Amino acid sequence: MKTGALTFFILSVILLFGTLKYLVELKRPGVYPPKQVIKKRAAGLAGSACICLLVALMLSYLS
């Protein structure tokens, strides 16, 4: 169970870094994907990161 929790923690950190990357791209002028697409991608990654973090917390408390 601890390896599963650790895996979900690492996955949530990676997804949060991806979210931060898209948020930084959102501030730059003249990026190719439209800002609405970047916002959707950032929101999707942030939501996935939150779900992974919740699963990791539940697994760490169960073990």
N, C-alpha and C. Protein backbone atom coordinates (compact mmCIF):
# COMPACT_ATOMS: atom_id res chain seq x y z
N MET A 1 0.81 -1.20 0.00
CA MET A 1 0.00 0.00 0.00
C MET A 1 0.86 1.26 0.00
N LYS A 2 2.02 1.16 0.65
CA LYS A 2 2.86 2.35 0.71
C LYS A 2 3.43 2.71 -0.65
N THR A 3 3.72 1.69 -1.46
CA THR A 3 4.22 2.01 -2.80
C THR A 3 3.13 2.62 -3.66
N GLY A 4 1.90 2.18 -3.46
CA GLY A 4 0.78 2.77 -4.20
C GLY A 4 0.57 4.22 -3.80
N ALA A 5 0.65 4.50 -2.50
CA ALA A 5 0.49 5.88 -2.04
C ALA A 5 1.62 6.75 -2.56
N LEU A 6 2.84 6.22 -2.53
CA LEU A 6 3.98 6.98 -3.03
C LEU A 6 3.84 7.24 -4.52
N THR A 7 3.36 6.26 -5.26
CA THR A 7 3.15 6.43 -6.70
C THR A 7 2.13 7.53 -6.97
N PHE A 8 1.04 7.54 -6.22
CA PHE A 8 0.03 8.57 -6.43
C PHE A 8 0.53 9.95 -6.00
N PHE A 9 1.36 10.01 -4.95
CA PHE A 9 1.95 11.29 -4.56
C PHE A 9 2.85 11.83 -5.67
N ILE A 10 3.69 10.97 -6.22
CA ILE A 10 4.59 11.39 -7.29
C ILE A 10 3.80 11.81 -8.52
N LEU A 11 2.76 11.07 -8.86
CA LEU A 11 1.93 11.41 -10.00
C LEU A 11 1.23 12.76 -9.80
N SER A 12 0.77 13.02 -8.59
CA SER A 12 0.12 14.31 -8.34
C SER A 12 1.10 15.46 -8.44
N VAL A 13 2.34 15.26 -8.01
CA VAL A 13 3.35 16.31 -8.13
C VAL A 13 3.66 16.58 -9.60
N ILE A 14 3.78 15.53 -10.39
CA ILE A 14 4.04 15.70 -11.83
C ILE A 14 2.90 16.45 -12.50
N LEU A 15 1.67 16.10 -12.15
CA LEU A 15 0.52 16.79 -12.73
C LEU A 15 0.46 18.25 -12.29
N LEU A 16 0.84 18.53 -11.06
CA LEU A 16 0.87 19.93 -10.60
C LEU A 16 1.95 20.73 -11.33
N PHE A 17 3.09 20.10 -11.61
CA PHE A 17 4.11 20.78 -12.40
C PHE A 17 3.61 21.08 -13.81
N GLY A 18 2.87 20.14 -14.39
CA GLY A 18 2.27 20.39 -15.70
C GLY A 18 1.27 21.53 -15.67
N THR A 19 0.49 21.60 -14.59
CA THR A 19 -0.46 22.70 -14.42
C THR A 19 0.28 24.03 -14.35
N LEU A 20 1.36 24.06 -13.58
CA LEU A 20 2.14 25.30 -13.47
C LEU A 20 2.74 25.70 -14.81
N LYS A 21 3.17 24.72 -15.59
CA LYS A 21 3.72 25.01 -16.92
C LYS A 21 2.67 25.68 -17.80
N TYR A 22 1.45 25.15 -17.78
CA TYR A 22 0.39 25.75 -18.59
C TYR A 22 0.00 27.13 -18.07
N LEU A 23 0.04 27.33 -16.76
CA LEU A 23 -0.29 28.65 -16.22
C LEU A 23 0.77 29.68 -16.59
N VAL A 24 2.02 29.26 -16.65
CA VAL A 24 3.08 30.18 -17.10
C VAL A 24 2.91 30.49 -18.57
N GLU A 25 2.56 29.48 -19.38
CA GLU A 25 2.32 29.71 -20.81
C GLU A 25 1.14 30.64 -21.02
N LEU A 26 0.19 30.61 -20.12
CA LEU A 26 -1.00 31.46 -20.23
C LEU A 26 -0.64 32.93 -20.12
N LYS A 27 0.41 33.23 -19.37
CA LYS A 27 0.83 34.63 -19.18
C LYS A 27 1.62 35.18 -20.36
N ARG A 28 2.20 34.29 -21.17
CA ARG A 28 3.00 34.75 -22.30
C ARG A 28 2.10 35.21 -23.44
N PRO A 29 2.48 36.29 -24.09
CA PRO A 29 1.68 36.73 -25.24
C PRO A 29 2.04 35.93 -26.49
N GLY A 30 1.07 35.69 -27.32
CA GLY A 30 1.30 35.07 -28.62
C GLY A 30 1.61 33.60 -28.60
N VAL A 31 1.05 32.84 -27.69
CA VAL A 31 1.26 31.39 -27.70
C VAL A 31 0.31 30.77 -28.71
N TYR A 32 0.73 29.62 -29.29
CA TYR A 32 -0.08 29.04 -30.38
C TYR A 32 -1.44 28.52 -29.92
N PRO A 33 -1.48 27.58 -28.98
CA PRO A 33 -2.85 27.15 -28.66
C PRO A 33 -3.60 28.33 -28.04
N PRO A 34 -4.81 28.53 -28.41
CA PRO A 34 -5.57 29.64 -27.83
C PRO A 34 -5.63 29.52 -26.30
N LYS A 35 -5.79 30.66 -25.67
CA LYS A 35 -5.76 30.69 -24.21
C LYS A 35 -6.87 29.85 -23.60
N GLN A 36 -7.99 29.72 -24.29
CA GLN A 36 -9.08 28.90 -23.77
C GLN A 36 -8.67 27.42 -23.71
N VAL A 37 -7.91 26.98 -24.71
CA VAL A 37 -7.43 25.59 -24.73
C VAL A 37 -6.44 25.37 -23.60
N ILE A 38 -5.56 26.34 -23.39
CA ILE A 38 -4.57 26.23 -22.31
C ILE A 38 -5.27 26.20 -20.96
N LYS A 39 -6.31 27.01 -20.79
CA LYS A 39 -7.06 27.02 -19.53
C LYS A 39 -7.72 25.67 -19.28
N LYS A 40 -8.27 25.06 -20.34
CA LYS A 40 -8.91 23.75 -20.18
C LYS A 40 -7.89 22.68 -19.82
N ARG A 41 -6.72 22.74 -20.45
CA ARG A 41 -5.68 21.76 -20.14
C ARG A 41 -5.19 21.92 -18.71
N ALA A 42 -4.98 23.17 -18.28
CA ALA A 42 -4.53 23.42 -16.91
C ALA A 42 -5.57 22.96 -15.90
N ALA A 43 -6.84 23.21 -16.19
CA ALA A 43 -7.90 22.78 -15.27
C ALA A 43 -7.99 21.26 -15.22
N GLY A 44 -7.83 20.61 -16.35
CA GLY A 44 -7.85 19.15 -16.37
C GLY A 44 -6.70 18.54 -15.58
N LEU A 45 -5.51 19.11 -15.75
CA LEU A 45 -4.37 18.60 -15.00
C LEU A 45 -4.51 18.87 -13.51
N ALA A 46 -5.03 20.04 -13.15
CA ALA A 46 -5.21 20.37 -11.74
C ALA A 46 -6.25 19.44 -11.10
N GLY A 47 -7.32 19.18 -11.82
CA GLY A 47 -8.33 18.25 -11.29
C GLY A 47 -7.79 16.85 -11.11
N SER A 48 -7.03 16.40 -12.09
CA SER A 48 -6.42 15.06 -11.99
C SER A 48 -5.42 15.00 -10.84
N ALA A 49 -4.67 16.08 -10.64
CA ALA A 49 -3.71 16.12 -9.55
C ALA A 49 -4.41 16.07 -8.20
N CYS A 50 -5.52 16.76 -8.08
CA CYS A 50 -6.28 16.73 -6.82
C CYS A 50 -6.83 15.34 -6.54
N ILE A 51 -7.33 14.69 -7.56
CA ILE A 51 -7.86 13.33 -7.38
C ILE A 51 -6.75 12.37 -6.98
N CYS A 52 -5.60 12.47 -7.64
CA CYS A 52 -4.47 11.60 -7.29
C CYS A 52 -3.98 11.87 -5.88
N LEU A 53 -3.97 13.14 -5.49
CA LEU A 53 -3.54 13.49 -4.14
C LEU A 53 -4.51 12.93 -3.09
N LEU A 54 -5.79 13.02 -3.37
CA LEU A 54 -6.78 12.46 -2.44
C LEU A 54 -6.64 10.94 -2.32
N VAL A 55 -6.43 10.27 -3.44
CA VAL A 55 -6.24 8.82 -3.41
C VAL A 55 -4.98 8.47 -2.63
N ALA A 56 -3.91 9.23 -2.83
CA ALA A 56 -2.66 8.98 -2.12
C ALA A 56 -2.84 9.19 -0.62
N LEU A 57 -3.57 10.23 -0.25
CA LEU A 57 -3.80 10.46 1.18
C LEU A 57 -4.64 9.34 1.80
N MET A 58 -5.65 8.89 1.08
CA MET A 58 -6.47 7.79 1.60
C MET A 58 -5.65 6.51 1.74
N LEU A 59 -4.81 6.23 0.75
CA LEU A 59 -3.97 5.03 0.83
C LEU A 59 -2.95 5.12 1.96
N SER A 60 -2.41 6.32 2.18
CA SER A 60 -1.41 6.45 3.24
C SER A 60 -2.05 6.34 4.62
N TYR A 61 -3.29 6.79 4.76
CA TYR A 61 -3.95 6.66 6.05
C TYR A 61 -4.45 5.23 6.30
N LEU A 62 -4.74 4.49 5.25
CA LEU A 62 -5.21 3.12 5.42
C LEU A 62 -4.08 2.16 5.79
N SER A 63 -2.87 2.49 5.39
CA SER A 63 -1.77 1.55 5.67
C SER A 63 -1.10 1.83 7.00
